[in-house]
Protein backbone atom coordinates (compact mmCIF):
# COMPACT_ATOMS: atom_id res chain seq x y z
CA SER A 1 59.88 29.50 -18.97
CA ALA A 2 57.72 30.13 -15.91
CA HIS A 3 53.95 29.73 -15.83
CA PRO A 4 52.37 33.21 -16.12
CA LEU A 5 49.93 32.61 -13.24
CA THR A 6 52.03 30.80 -10.61
CA GLY A 7 55.63 31.16 -11.76
CA ALA A 8 56.14 27.41 -11.85
CA PRO A 9 58.07 25.85 -14.80
CA SER A 10 55.72 25.09 -17.70
CA GLU A 11 57.88 23.25 -20.20
CA ALA A 12 59.33 20.56 -17.98
CA ALA A 13 57.56 17.45 -16.93
CA HIS A 14 55.31 17.86 -13.90
CA PRO A 15 56.38 15.30 -11.29
CA GLY A 16 53.72 16.41 -8.78
CA ILE A 17 50.78 15.73 -11.13
CA ALA A 18 48.38 12.99 -10.03
CA THR A 19 47.55 10.21 -12.46
CA TYR A 20 44.14 11.66 -13.36
CA ALA A 21 42.24 14.94 -13.56
CA ARG A 22 38.44 14.97 -13.20
CA LEU A 23 36.97 17.61 -15.52
CA ALA A 24 33.30 18.40 -14.74
CA VAL A 25 31.63 20.00 -17.78
CA TYR A 26 28.35 21.94 -17.56
CA ALA A 27 25.90 20.17 -19.89
CA PRO A 28 22.55 21.99 -19.83
CA ARG A 29 21.49 20.31 -23.10
CA GLY A 30 22.63 16.82 -22.22
CA PRO A 31 25.88 14.80 -22.28
CA ALA A 32 25.97 14.21 -26.04
CA ILE A 33 26.09 17.92 -26.99
CA ALA A 34 28.61 18.61 -24.22
CA ARG A 35 30.91 15.85 -25.44
CA ALA A 36 30.60 17.06 -29.03
CA ARG A 37 31.67 20.56 -27.99
CA TRP A 38 34.36 19.86 -25.38
CA GLY A 39 35.46 16.31 -26.19
CA GLU A 40 38.24 17.54 -28.49
CA THR A 41 39.56 19.84 -25.73
CA THR A 42 39.64 16.87 -23.34
CA ARG A 43 41.52 14.77 -25.91
CA VAL A 44 44.08 17.55 -26.46
CA LEU A 45 44.72 17.83 -22.72
CA GLY A 46 45.21 14.09 -22.42
CA THR A 47 47.61 14.00 -25.39
CA ALA A 48 49.66 16.95 -24.14
CA LEU A 49 49.86 15.46 -20.62
CA PRO A 50 50.50 11.72 -21.17
CA GLU A 51 51.41 11.25 -17.53
CA MET A 52 47.91 12.37 -16.47
CA ARG A 53 44.56 10.88 -17.47
CA VAL A 54 41.98 13.61 -18.11
CA ILE A 55 38.47 12.33 -17.38
CA MET A 56 35.56 14.38 -18.75
CA GLN A 57 32.21 14.07 -16.98
CA PRO A 58 29.18 16.06 -18.25
CA TYR A 59 26.68 17.26 -15.61
CA ASP A 60 23.45 19.22 -15.73
CA GLY A 61 23.05 22.17 -13.36
CA ASP A 62 21.84 20.25 -10.31
CA ALA A 63 24.29 17.37 -10.77
CA LEU A 64 27.19 19.79 -11.31
CA GLU A 65 26.55 21.47 -7.97
CA ARG A 66 26.39 18.09 -6.22
CA ALA A 67 29.66 17.01 -7.82
CA VAL A 68 31.43 20.18 -6.66
CA ALA A 69 29.89 19.92 -3.18
CA ASN A 70 31.05 16.31 -2.80
CA GLY A 71 34.57 16.98 -4.09
CA LEU A 72 34.13 14.89 -7.25
CA ALA A 73 35.62 17.50 -9.62
CA ASP A 74 39.20 18.76 -9.84
CA PHE A 75 38.23 21.24 -12.58
CA VAL A 76 34.91 22.78 -13.67
CA LEU A 77 34.27 23.98 -17.25
CA ALA A 78 31.15 26.16 -17.38
CA PRO A 79 29.85 29.65 -18.30
CA ALA A 80 31.00 32.47 -16.03
CA PRO A 81 27.60 32.97 -14.28
CA VAL A 82 27.52 29.27 -13.34
CA LEU A 83 31.04 29.47 -11.90
CA ALA A 84 30.13 32.68 -10.06
CA ARG A 85 27.20 30.92 -8.41
CA LEU A 86 29.33 27.92 -7.43
CA SER A 87 32.22 30.04 -6.13
CA GLY A 88 29.84 31.78 -3.75
CA ARG A 89 29.11 28.43 -2.11
CA TYR A 90 32.19 26.25 -2.61
CA PRO A 91 35.98 26.85 -2.67
CA ILE A 92 36.70 27.11 -6.40
CA GLU A 93 38.46 29.82 -8.42
CA THR A 94 38.61 30.68 -12.12
CA VAL A 95 42.02 29.94 -13.67
CA ALA A 96 41.30 30.41 -17.41
CA GLN A 97 38.77 32.41 -19.43
CA SER A 98 37.67 31.82 -23.04
CA THR A 99 37.97 34.67 -25.52
CA ALA A 100 35.38 35.86 -28.07
CA ALA A 101 33.93 33.42 -30.57
CA VAL A 102 35.46 33.00 -34.01
CA ARG A 103 32.24 33.91 -35.81
CA GLU A 104 29.71 36.42 -34.64
CA ASN A 105 26.78 34.06 -34.75
CA ASP A 106 28.45 31.09 -33.02
CA PRO A 107 26.32 29.80 -30.11
CA MET A 108 27.26 30.81 -26.58
CA ALA A 109 29.92 33.34 -27.58
CA ALA A 110 28.83 35.04 -24.37
CA SER A 111 26.42 34.06 -21.62
CA GLY A 112 23.17 35.63 -20.52
CA ALA A 113 19.42 35.21 -20.40
CA ALA A 114 16.89 34.92 -23.21
CA VAL A 115 13.24 35.37 -22.19
CA ILE A 116 11.16 33.55 -24.78
CA VAL A 117 7.48 33.46 -25.72
CA ALA A 118 5.50 31.89 -28.52
CA ASN A 119 5.79 33.75 -31.81
CA ASN A 120 2.13 34.84 -31.70
CA ASP A 121 2.35 36.19 -28.13
CA PRO A 122 1.43 39.91 -27.93
CA ALA A 123 4.34 40.74 -25.56
CA LEU A 124 7.33 42.49 -27.21
CA VAL A 125 9.57 43.20 -24.21
CA VAL A 126 9.82 41.84 -20.69
CA GLY A 127 7.97 44.91 -19.40
CA ASP A 128 4.85 43.80 -21.32
CA LEU A 129 4.52 40.67 -19.21
CA GLN A 130 1.92 40.65 -16.47
CA ASP A 131 0.92 37.82 -14.11
CA ARG A 132 2.58 35.10 -16.16
CA ILE A 133 3.98 31.68 -15.20
CA LEU A 134 7.73 31.50 -15.84
CA TRP A 135 9.28 28.19 -16.94
CA ALA A 136 12.98 27.51 -16.24
CA ALA A 137 15.23 24.47 -16.11
CA GLY A 138 15.91 24.95 -12.39
CA ASP A 139 17.46 27.19 -9.75
CA SER A 140 20.87 25.88 -10.78
CA ASP A 141 20.40 27.43 -14.25
CA ALA A 142 22.49 30.46 -13.27
CA GLU A 143 23.23 31.27 -16.91
CA GLY A 144 19.54 31.81 -17.78
CA LEU A 145 18.09 33.03 -14.49
CA ALA A 146 21.00 35.30 -13.54
CA GLY A 147 20.39 37.93 -16.20
CA LEU A 148 16.63 37.84 -15.69
CA ARG A 149 16.93 38.31 -11.93
CA LEU A 150 19.32 41.20 -12.43
CA MET A 151 16.87 42.79 -14.86
CA LEU A 152 13.94 42.35 -12.45
CA ARG A 153 15.97 43.59 -9.50
CA ARG A 154 16.78 46.83 -11.34
CA GLU A 155 13.13 47.24 -12.28
CA GLY A 156 12.08 47.43 -8.61
CA PRO A 157 8.80 46.40 -6.92
CA ALA A 158 6.89 46.46 -10.21
CA ALA A 159 8.76 43.29 -11.19
CA GLU A 160 6.80 41.34 -8.60
CA ARG A 161 3.78 41.51 -10.89
CA ARG A 162 5.61 40.13 -13.90
CA PHE A 163 5.51 36.47 -12.83
CA THR A 164 3.13 34.75 -10.42
CA GLU A 165 5.13 31.53 -10.25
CA ILE A 166 8.40 29.98 -11.41
CA ARG A 167 8.08 26.35 -12.48
CA HIS A 168 11.07 24.11 -13.09
CA MET A 169 11.13 21.76 -16.06
CA GLY A 170 14.45 20.09 -15.24
CA TYR A 171 17.21 19.31 -17.71
CA PRO A 172 17.93 19.29 -20.60
CA VAL A 173 17.06 22.95 -20.97
CA ASP A 174 15.57 22.29 -24.42
CA ALA A 175 12.39 21.21 -22.60
CA VAL A 176 11.69 24.84 -21.67
CA VAL A 177 11.59 25.82 -25.36
CA TYR A 178 9.24 22.96 -26.16
CA GLN A 179 6.97 23.93 -23.26
CA VAL A 180 6.71 27.56 -24.43
CA ARG A 181 5.98 26.44 -27.97
CA ALA A 182 3.25 24.03 -26.83
CA MET A 183 1.54 26.03 -24.05
CA ARG A 184 -0.13 29.26 -25.12
CA GLY A 185 0.67 32.28 -22.95
CA SER A 186 3.67 30.66 -21.24
CA VAL A 187 7.04 32.37 -20.76
CA GLY A 188 10.44 30.71 -20.46
CA VAL A 189 13.97 31.75 -19.61
CA VAL A 190 16.88 29.94 -21.27
CA PRO A 191 20.58 30.59 -21.89
CA VAL A 192 21.34 33.00 -24.68
CA CYS A 193 21.80 31.43 -28.13
CA LEU A 194 19.87 28.27 -27.20
CA VAL A 195 16.96 29.15 -29.51
CA GLU A 196 19.29 29.87 -32.45
CA SER A 197 21.13 26.58 -31.88
CA MET A 198 17.89 24.56 -31.85
CA VAL A 199 16.73 26.28 -35.04
CA ARG A 200 20.06 25.47 -36.72
CA GLU A 201 19.75 21.84 -35.58
CA GLY A 202 16.23 21.59 -36.97
CA LEU A 203 14.67 20.91 -33.57
CA ILE A 204 12.26 23.85 -33.83
CA GLY A 205 11.09 26.13 -36.58
CA PRO A 206 12.42 29.71 -37.00
CA ASN A 207 8.97 31.13 -36.20
CA ASP A 208 8.01 28.86 -33.30
CA VAL A 209 9.32 31.07 -30.47
CA ARG A 210 11.03 34.42 -30.20
CA VAL A 211 13.23 36.25 -27.68
CA LEU A 212 11.71 39.32 -26.00
CA GLY A 213 13.54 42.67 -26.24
CA SER A 214 15.68 41.75 -29.26
CA SER A 215 13.61 42.61 -32.30
CA ASN A 216 16.33 44.90 -33.74
CA GLU A 217 19.03 42.22 -33.80
CA PRO A 218 20.08 41.13 -37.31
CA PRO A 219 19.02 37.63 -38.44
CA GLY A 220 21.37 34.81 -37.48
CA ARG A 221 22.82 36.59 -34.46
CA CYS A 222 22.13 35.39 -30.91
CA ARG A 223 19.46 37.44 -29.19
CA ALA A 224 19.48 38.28 -25.48
CA SER A 225 16.84 39.87 -23.23
CA GLY A 226 19.25 41.64 -20.91
CA ALA A 227 22.90 42.10 -20.01
CA LEU A 228 25.52 39.70 -21.33
CA PHE A 229 28.24 38.13 -19.19
CA PRO A 230 31.62 36.56 -19.99
CA GLY A 231 31.48 33.19 -21.75
CA TRP A 232 32.94 29.85 -20.79
CA ALA A 233 35.72 29.59 -18.22
CA LEU A 234 37.74 26.94 -16.39
CA ALA A 235 37.73 26.83 -12.58
CA SER A 236 39.88 24.78 -10.26
CA ALA A 237 38.88 23.28 -6.90
CA ALA A 238 40.85 24.44 -3.87
CA PHE A 239 42.09 20.90 -3.19
CA THR A 240 43.49 20.47 -6.74
CA PRO A 241 47.32 20.31 -6.60
CA GLU A 242 49.02 23.41 -7.99
CA ALA A 243 51.15 21.35 -10.38
CA LYS A 244 48.06 19.77 -11.92
CA ARG A 245 46.35 23.16 -12.24
CA ASN A 246 49.40 24.77 -13.88
CA ALA A 247 49.77 21.89 -16.33
CA LEU A 248 46.20 22.12 -17.67
CA VAL A 249 46.20 25.92 -17.89
CA ASP A 250 49.58 25.85 -19.66
CA VAL A 251 48.19 23.53 -22.38
CA LEU A 252 45.09 25.69 -22.93
CA LEU A 253 47.04 28.94 -23.18
CA LYS A 254 49.35 27.48 -25.86
CA LEU A 255 46.56 26.37 -28.20
CA PRO A 256 47.07 28.19 -31.55
CA PRO A 257 44.22 30.16 -33.18
CA GLY A 258 41.97 27.96 -35.33
CA HIS A 259 42.85 24.81 -33.39
CA PRO A 260 40.15 22.10 -33.86
CA SER A 261 39.39 22.10 -30.12
CA LEU A 262 38.76 25.87 -30.22
CA LEU A 263 36.53 25.59 -33.26
CA ALA A 264 34.55 22.77 -31.68
CA GLY A 265 34.12 24.87 -28.53
CA SER A 266 33.10 27.98 -30.57
CA ILE A 267 35.77 30.12 -28.89
CA ALA A 268 38.81 31.99 -30.21
CA GLY A 269 41.22 30.89 -27.50
CA TRP A 270 42.04 30.86 -23.80
CA THR A 271 43.49 33.56 -21.60
CA LEU A 272 44.04 34.23 -17.90
CA PRO A 273 41.30 35.92 -15.89
CA PRO A 274 41.78 39.72 -15.94
CA THR A 275 42.43 39.97 -12.20
CA GLY A 276 42.84 36.35 -11.21
CA PRO A 277 40.30 34.94 -8.78
CA ALA A 278 38.85 38.41 -8.14
CA SER A 279 37.13 38.34 -11.53
CA THR A 280 34.68 35.75 -10.28
CA GLN A 281 33.92 37.97 -7.28
CA ALA A 282 33.38 40.94 -9.59
CA LEU A 283 30.94 38.91 -11.66
CA GLY A 284 29.17 37.97 -8.45
CA ARG A 285 28.79 41.64 -7.57
CA LEU A 286 27.45 42.24 -11.06
CA LEU A 287 24.85 39.55 -10.61
CA VAL A 288 23.94 40.90 -7.16
CA PRO A 289 24.33 44.71 -7.42
CA GLU A 290 24.13 47.21 -4.58
CA PRO A 291 20.52 47.99 -3.66
CA THR A 292 19.08 51.12 -5.21
CA LEU A 293 16.80 53.62 -3.47
CA THR A 294 13.81 51.91 -5.02
CA GLU A 295 14.97 48.56 -3.68
CA ARG A 296 15.44 50.03 -0.20
CA VAL A 297 11.88 51.40 -0.29
CA ALA A 298 10.68 48.02 -1.50
CA ALA A 299 12.54 46.37 1.39
CA PHE A 300 10.81 48.74 3.85
CA ILE A 301 7.44 47.89 2.31
CA SER A 302 8.38 44.21 2.54
CA ILE A 303 9.05 44.63 6.28
CA ARG A 304 5.63 46.22 6.78
CA ARG A 305 4.13 43.40 4.78
CA THR A 306 5.94 40.96 7.05
CA GLU A 307 4.42 42.61 10.13
CA THR A 308 0.97 42.43 8.54
CA GLY A 309 1.68 38.85 7.64
CA LEU A 310 2.59 38.07 11.26
CA ILE A 311 -0.72 39.54 12.44
CA ALA A 312 -2.55 37.52 9.84
CA LEU A 313 -0.59 34.48 10.92
CA GLY A 314 -1.67 35.06 14.53
CA VAL A 315 -5.30 35.32 13.50
CA LEU A 316 -4.96 32.22 11.37
CA THR A 317 -3.35 30.36 14.28
CA PHE A 318 -6.24 31.34 16.55
CA VAL A 319 -8.76 30.15 13.98
CA ILE A 320 -6.91 26.86 13.57
CA LEU A 321 -6.73 26.33 17.35
CA PHE A 322 -10.43 27.13 17.70
CA ALA A 323 -11.23 24.69 14.90
CA LEU A 324 -9.09 22.02 16.57
CA TYR A 325 -10.85 22.62 19.90
CA THR A 326 -14.24 22.35 18.18
CA ALA A 327 -13.12 19.14 16.48
CA PHE A 328 -11.94 17.83 19.86
CA LEU A 329 -15.37 18.52 21.38
CA GLN A 330 -17.06 16.80 18.45
CA ILE A 331 -14.82 13.75 18.88
CA ARG A 332 -15.62 13.64 22.62
CA PHE A 333 -19.33 13.94 21.87
CA SER A 334 -19.10 11.18 19.23
CA ARG A 335 -17.29 8.88 21.66
CA THR A 336 -19.88 9.54 24.38
CA LYS A 337 -22.67 8.89 21.89
CA ARG A 338 -21.08 5.61 20.80
CA ALA A 339 -20.63 4.59 24.44
CA LEU A 340 -24.33 5.28 25.12
CA ILE A 341 -25.36 3.28 22.06
CA ARG A 342 -23.07 0.43 23.15
CA THR A 343 -24.52 0.50 26.69
CA HIS A 344 -28.05 0.48 25.29
CA SER A 345 -27.18 -2.52 23.10
CA GLU A 346 -25.71 -4.37 26.09
CA LEU A 347 -28.85 -3.69 28.10
CA GLU A 348 -30.97 -5.01 25.23
CA GLU A 349 -28.84 -8.16 25.10
CA LYS A 350 -29.16 -8.67 28.85
CA ARG A 351 -32.93 -8.15 28.64
CA ASN A 352 -33.15 -10.73 25.86
CA ALA A 353 -30.99 -13.10 27.92
CA LEU A 354 -33.28 -12.62 30.90
CA GLU A 355 -36.33 -13.37 28.75
CA HIS A 356 -34.53 -16.42 27.41
CA ALA A 357 -33.72 -17.60 30.94
CA GLN A 358 -37.36 -17.16 31.90
CA ARG A 359 -38.44 -19.28 28.91
CA VAL A 360 -35.90 -21.95 29.83
CA MET A 361 -37.17 -21.96 33.41
CA LEU A 362 -40.74 -22.28 32.16
CA VAL A 363 -39.76 -25.16 29.90
CA GLY A 364 -38.02 -26.77 32.88
CA GLU A 365 -41.14 -26.53 34.98
CA LEU A 366 -43.28 -27.86 32.12
CA GLY A 367 -40.78 -30.65 31.49
CA THR A 368 -40.80 -31.71 35.15
CA SER A 369 -44.59 -31.77 35.17
CA LEU A 370 -44.72 -33.58 31.83
CA ALA A 371 -42.20 -36.20 32.98
CA HIS A 372 -44.26 -36.85 36.09
CA GLU A 373 -47.48 -37.14 34.09
CA LEU A 374 -45.92 -39.48 31.48
CA ASN A 375 -44.40 -41.90 33.97
CA GLN A 376 -47.77 -43.36 35.03
CA PRO A 377 -49.05 -44.15 31.49
CA LEU A 378 -45.71 -45.60 30.52
CA GLU A 379 -45.70 -47.89 33.54
CA SER A 380 -49.22 -49.00 32.67
CA ILE A 381 -48.31 -49.68 29.03
CA LEU A 382 -45.28 -51.66 30.20
CA ASN A 383 -47.35 -53.78 32.55
CA TYR A 384 -50.08 -54.46 29.97
CA SER A 385 -47.57 -55.36 27.25
CA HIS A 386 -45.71 -57.65 29.66
CA GLY A 387 -48.94 -59.41 30.53
CA CYS A 388 -49.99 -59.75 26.91
CA ARG A 389 -46.61 -61.19 26.01
CA ALA A 390 -46.80 -63.72 28.87
CA ARG A 391 -50.26 -64.92 27.70
CA ALA A 392 -49.18 -65.01 24.05
CA GLU A 393 -46.29 -67.30 24.96
CA ASN A 394 -48.80 -69.85 26.29
CA ILE A 395 -51.19 -69.65 23.30
CA PRO A 396 -49.78 -71.22 20.12
CA GLU A 397 -52.12 -69.22 17.89
CA ALA A 398 -50.72 -65.94 19.31
CA SER A 399 -47.03 -66.88 19.13
CA SER A 400 -46.48 -64.37 16.30
CA LEU A 401 -47.32 -61.56 18.73
CA VAL A 402 -44.56 -62.42 21.18
CA ALA A 403 -41.77 -60.59 19.29
CA PRO A 404 -43.77 -57.39 18.59
CA LEU A 405 -44.91 -57.22 22.19
CA GLY A 406 -41.26 -57.59 23.25
CA MET A 407 -40.36 -54.66 21.03
CA VAL A 408 -43.20 -52.65 22.59
CA GLU A 409 -41.79 -53.37 26.04
CA LYS A 410 -38.31 -52.35 24.89
CA GLU A 411 -39.52 -49.08 23.39
CA VAL A 412 -41.63 -48.28 26.45
CA LYS A 413 -38.57 -48.79 28.62
CA ARG A 414 -36.53 -46.52 26.34
CA ALA A 415 -39.28 -43.89 26.48
CA ALA A 416 -39.27 -44.12 30.24
CA ASP A 417 -35.47 -43.74 30.25
CA VAL A 418 -35.78 -40.65 28.04
CA VAL A 419 -38.36 -39.14 30.38
CA ARG A 420 -36.21 -39.90 33.39
CA ARG A 421 -33.18 -38.39 31.70
CA LEU A 422 -35.11 -35.26 30.77
CA ARG A 423 -36.13 -34.93 34.40
CA ARG A 424 -32.53 -35.43 35.52
CA LEU A 425 -31.33 -32.75 33.07
CA ILE A 426 -33.95 -30.33 34.38
CA ARG A 427 -33.09 -31.17 37.99
CA ARG A 428 -29.37 -31.44 37.20
CA ASP A 429 -29.27 -34.96 38.62
CA ALA A 430 -26.26 -37.18 37.97
CA PRO A 431 -26.88 -39.48 34.93
CA SER A 432 -26.92 -43.27 35.26
CA ARG A 433 -24.04 -45.03 33.53
CA ARG A 434 -23.67 -48.61 32.33
CA GLU A 435 -21.06 -50.65 30.51
CA ALA A 436 -21.58 -50.65 26.75
CA SER A 437 -19.88 -50.02 23.43
CA PRO A 438 -20.99 -46.86 21.60
CA SER A 439 -20.94 -48.93 18.38
CA ALA A 440 -23.65 -51.15 19.86
CA VAL A 441 -25.72 -48.08 20.74
CA VAL A 442 -25.34 -46.87 17.12
CA ASP A 443 -26.55 -50.23 15.79
CA GLU A 444 -29.53 -50.30 18.19
CA THR A 445 -30.51 -46.76 17.22
CA VAL A 446 -30.29 -47.51 13.49
CA GLU A 447 -32.41 -50.63 13.99
CA LEU A 448 -34.93 -48.56 15.93
CA MET A 449 -35.14 -45.88 13.21
CA THR A 450 -34.96 -48.23 10.22
CA ALA A 451 -38.73 -48.52 9.73
CA GLY A 452 -39.26 -44.74 9.62
CA LEU A 453 -36.27 -44.19 7.38
CA ARG A 454 -37.47 -46.85 4.92
CA ARG A 455 -40.93 -45.31 4.76
CA ALA A 456 -39.23 -42.01 3.81
CA GLY A 457 -37.21 -43.83 1.13
CA ILE A 458 -33.86 -43.05 2.83
CA ASP A 459 -30.97 -45.48 2.62
CA VAL A 460 -28.83 -45.78 5.80
CA LYS A 461 -25.22 -46.95 5.71
CA VAL A 462 -22.97 -47.51 8.74
CA GLU A 463 -19.17 -47.43 8.22
CA ARG A 464 -16.59 -48.40 10.85
CA ALA A 465 -13.17 -49.99 10.78
CA ALA A 466 -13.75 -51.88 14.07
CA PRO A 467 -16.27 -51.70 16.92
CA ALA A 468 -15.48 -49.25 19.68
CA PRO A 469 -14.34 -50.62 23.06
CA VAL A 470 -16.68 -51.01 26.01
CA TRP A 471 -16.63 -48.52 28.85
CA LYS A 472 -19.08 -46.99 31.31
CA PHE A 473 -21.15 -44.10 30.00
CA ASP A 474 -24.72 -42.84 29.76
CA THR A 475 -26.10 -44.88 26.85
CA VAL A 476 -29.47 -43.15 26.94
CA ALA A 477 -27.82 -39.79 26.37
CA LEU A 478 -25.90 -41.13 23.36
CA GLN A 479 -29.03 -42.75 21.91
CA GLN A 480 -31.00 -39.55 22.43
CA ILE A 481 -28.39 -37.63 20.41
CA LEU A 482 -28.43 -40.18 17.57
CA VAL A 483 -32.24 -40.35 17.46
CA ASN A 484 -32.54 -36.56 17.29
CA VAL A 485 -29.95 -36.31 14.50
CA LEU A 486 -31.48 -39.12 12.43
CA LYS A 487 -34.96 -37.74 12.96
CA ASN A 488 -33.84 -34.29 11.78
CA ALA A 489 -32.25 -35.82 8.68
CA MET A 490 -35.41 -37.80 7.89
CA GLU A 491 -37.68 -34.77 8.34
CA SER A 492 -35.36 -32.54 6.31
CA ILE A 493 -35.28 -34.91 3.31
CA HIS A 494 -38.93 -35.97 3.49
CA GLY A 495 -40.23 -32.41 3.89
CA ALA A 496 -38.00 -30.86 1.23
CA ASP A 497 -39.40 -29.25 -1.89
CA PRO A 498 -39.39 -31.75 -4.81
CA SER A 499 -37.09 -29.43 -6.80
CA VAL A 500 -34.29 -29.75 -4.21
CA ARG A 501 -35.06 -33.25 -2.87
CA PRO A 502 -32.24 -35.70 -3.78
CA ALA A 503 -33.00 -38.48 -6.24
CA HIS A 504 -31.45 -41.10 -3.93
CA PRO A 505 -31.81 -39.91 -0.32
CA SER A 506 -29.20 -41.36 1.99
CA VAL A 507 -27.74 -41.04 5.47
CA ARG A 508 -24.16 -42.14 6.11
CA ILE A 509 -22.98 -42.90 9.65
CA SER A 510 -19.21 -43.25 10.04
CA GLU A 511 -17.23 -44.11 13.18
CA THR A 512 -13.52 -43.50 13.77
CA MET A 513 -11.20 -44.11 16.71
CA ASN A 514 -8.23 -41.83 17.28
CA GLU A 515 -6.30 -42.89 20.38
CA ASN A 516 -8.67 -42.02 23.25
CA LEU A 517 -11.29 -40.22 21.14
CA TRP A 518 -14.33 -41.87 19.55
CA THR A 519 -16.00 -39.87 16.75
CA VAL A 520 -19.28 -40.51 14.97
CA ARG A 521 -20.42 -38.45 11.94
CA VAL A 522 -23.98 -38.49 10.60
CA GLU A 523 -24.18 -36.95 7.14
CA ASP A 524 -27.24 -36.67 4.88
CA ASN A 525 -27.62 -35.47 1.28
CA GLY A 526 -30.76 -33.42 1.90
CA PRO A 527 -31.30 -29.74 1.08
CA GLY A 528 -29.41 -28.64 4.18
CA PHE A 529 -29.87 -25.32 5.89
CA PRO A 530 -31.82 -22.55 4.14
CA GLU A 531 -29.79 -20.06 2.08
CA GLY A 532 -28.57 -17.16 4.20
CA SER A 533 -29.00 -18.91 7.58
CA ASP A 534 -26.18 -20.23 9.75
CA PRO A 535 -26.34 -23.45 11.75
CA ALA A 536 -27.19 -22.62 15.34
CA ILE A 537 -27.40 -24.84 18.42
CA GLU A 538 -29.34 -22.48 20.62
CA PRO A 539 -32.59 -23.20 22.47
CA PHE A 540 -35.73 -22.11 20.59
CA PHE A 541 -33.84 -21.73 17.28
CA THR A 542 -35.52 -23.78 14.56
CA THR A 543 -36.08 -23.73 10.79
CA LYS A 544 -39.19 -25.94 11.03
CA ALA A 545 -42.67 -24.50 10.97
CA ASN A 546 -43.83 -26.62 13.92
CA GLY A 547 -40.52 -27.02 15.73
CA LEU A 548 -39.66 -25.79 19.22
CA GLY A 549 -35.93 -25.46 18.66
CA LEU A 550 -35.00 -27.74 21.55
CA GLY A 551 -33.69 -30.91 19.82
CA LEU A 552 -30.17 -29.76 18.90
CA ALA A 553 -29.83 -27.84 22.16
CA LEU A 554 -30.61 -31.06 24.08
CA CYS A 555 -28.06 -32.87 21.88
CA ARG A 556 -25.38 -30.42 22.91
CA GLN A 557 -26.32 -30.74 26.58
CA CYS A 558 -26.22 -34.54 26.32
CA ALA A 559 -22.79 -34.39 24.61
CA GLU A 560 -21.45 -32.11 27.35
CA SER A 561 -22.82 -34.46 30.03
CA LEU A 562 -20.86 -37.27 28.32
CA GLY A 563 -17.70 -35.12 28.41
CA GLY A 564 -17.67 -34.69 24.64
CA THR A 565 -18.53 -32.11 21.99
CA PHE A 566 -21.32 -31.83 19.45
CA ARG A 567 -21.34 -29.66 16.35
CA ILE A 568 -23.50 -29.39 13.25
CA GLY A 569 -22.83 -27.74 9.92
CA ARG A 570 -23.11 -27.94 6.17
CA ALA A 571 -21.81 -31.08 4.52
CA ASP A 572 -18.52 -31.01 2.62
CA ALA A 573 -20.35 -31.68 -0.67
CA GLY A 574 -22.16 -28.35 -0.35
CA THR A 575 -25.63 -29.83 0.17
CA GLY A 576 -26.94 -31.66 3.19
CA VAL A 577 -26.06 -31.50 6.87
CA VAL A 578 -23.31 -33.19 8.86
CA ALA A 579 -23.49 -33.68 12.63
CA GLU A 580 -20.37 -34.74 14.49
CA LEU A 581 -20.12 -36.12 18.04
CA ARG A 582 -16.78 -36.65 19.76
CA LEU A 583 -16.55 -38.59 23.03
CA PRO A 584 -13.48 -39.30 25.13
CA VAL A 585 -12.97 -43.03 25.67
CA GLY A 586 -13.27 -43.91 29.32
CA GLU A 587 -11.48 -46.73 31.07
CA ALA A 588 -12.17 -49.66 28.77
CA VAL A 589 -13.79 -52.73 30.34
CA HIS A 590 -13.33 -55.06 27.34
CA SER A 591 -13.76 -55.07 23.59
CA ARG A 592 -17.04 -56.08 22.01
CA GLU A 593 -15.19 -58.94 20.36
CA ASP A 594 -13.82 -60.11 23.72
CA PRO A 595 -15.63 -63.40 24.46
CA THR A 596 -15.18 -62.92 28.15
């Protein structure tokens, strides 16, 4: 016999059927409930069509629309309003329609909207609602929202005051019922018969929520707030082969009354759409009826409101532009103000630098005068000590004075060298250089400072792997650096507060050679720099009450004149100070250990 819809043979095998059929099932309450209701129907289709694998895939409203849009469904099983919404956007057509439910109170015997409130809400019908928030699963919930929108559209402009906002809870749609039960004064829209199903399943109590506009319905029967629409139907995608479509419809139409798949689906059977694909279009016209006179007047009022809105938008745009212009002026003013502050700060820095340069110039003049004044007494002391030493060498009783007088001569000569060097630095004269090993200068300086360090109770230790080579450099400059550093260490430890003074004061001098770089580190275990101050090597910076702040600055100048670098900082142990001098090794003359 021929298929009643297409005329194709229905009893014979279907050679044009593909190996699978993707059946997308609307699952507003989740996959488990959808499989429990339509899983038997899927199994029957697969058994009746062994040459074709029927794959059931439950989708919520949003996912179902995406599946249809992306061509992932050959067939769609859903309530008629859902199919009507999809057919208005995608090429699908209804090919089979379910008939009335077996029992009057079976869930979803038809489709429609149920507007629900809490049981203690004063509203009795939808018309009692005023300025409420409406909760729904989503825009894709055509089954619940369709009837409500139709009801509000027929009501006219007054419906605008019913709800101030529509909020979407998402799927499963049971969440809307829970929200209405939990939030006082809230309103929800759900598919018809959902409340009765949840009561039967024990998910909510019979008096938790109620459906508006259905107080006269007998107990146990599904309540609706507006018009009802046809129930579940099967739609086919336009790309589904005709043979596959005919095969599935043929199996559904031949299901006998009372079949387990029909009972599980709460339907009496399957039939063809009354007028074929046009039935979906008719349902669409039902959901979107012709505008009434009231709706036309409301549209006219809406246009006038739009014009008023455009004027308001223009005024708002002007205000925004004016505010932006004002903000722009404020930003320009702020930038100009910051530029003025920055310029003022730069001028202050230059003024301080000028004052500093004047102080340096004054110190230079004083230093030149002081060097000139000191040269004469030093020459006199040198001559007297030389004469005393010469006489002491000829008097046996005074032989013990020969060595001390020699040391006096040596120190006077060093003092004279320091004065001459200071004068050269002030005048920027070229330093005098002589052949020596920096290790020898270190030893001489330590020997010179030993007496003062011992009086302060400070132990001095010199560490080196091997003596440095001999080359030409300014030995006075190197000795001046070492003397200043050792003197600072001695004064720092000796003048420290007893609470922070180390129990065993010490100064460690270590030398290292790295290719053409000679490094000497002088590290003490004193109190170090005061808390909150940073080491500085600037002229006139000092932490001593009676200091001038010139010692470390002269050390840096001496190091630069030697072609090296000088830095000072906190010791690695956390207390004390470490000074480090690095000098490039010049052209070596010979090693200290070289006998020649």
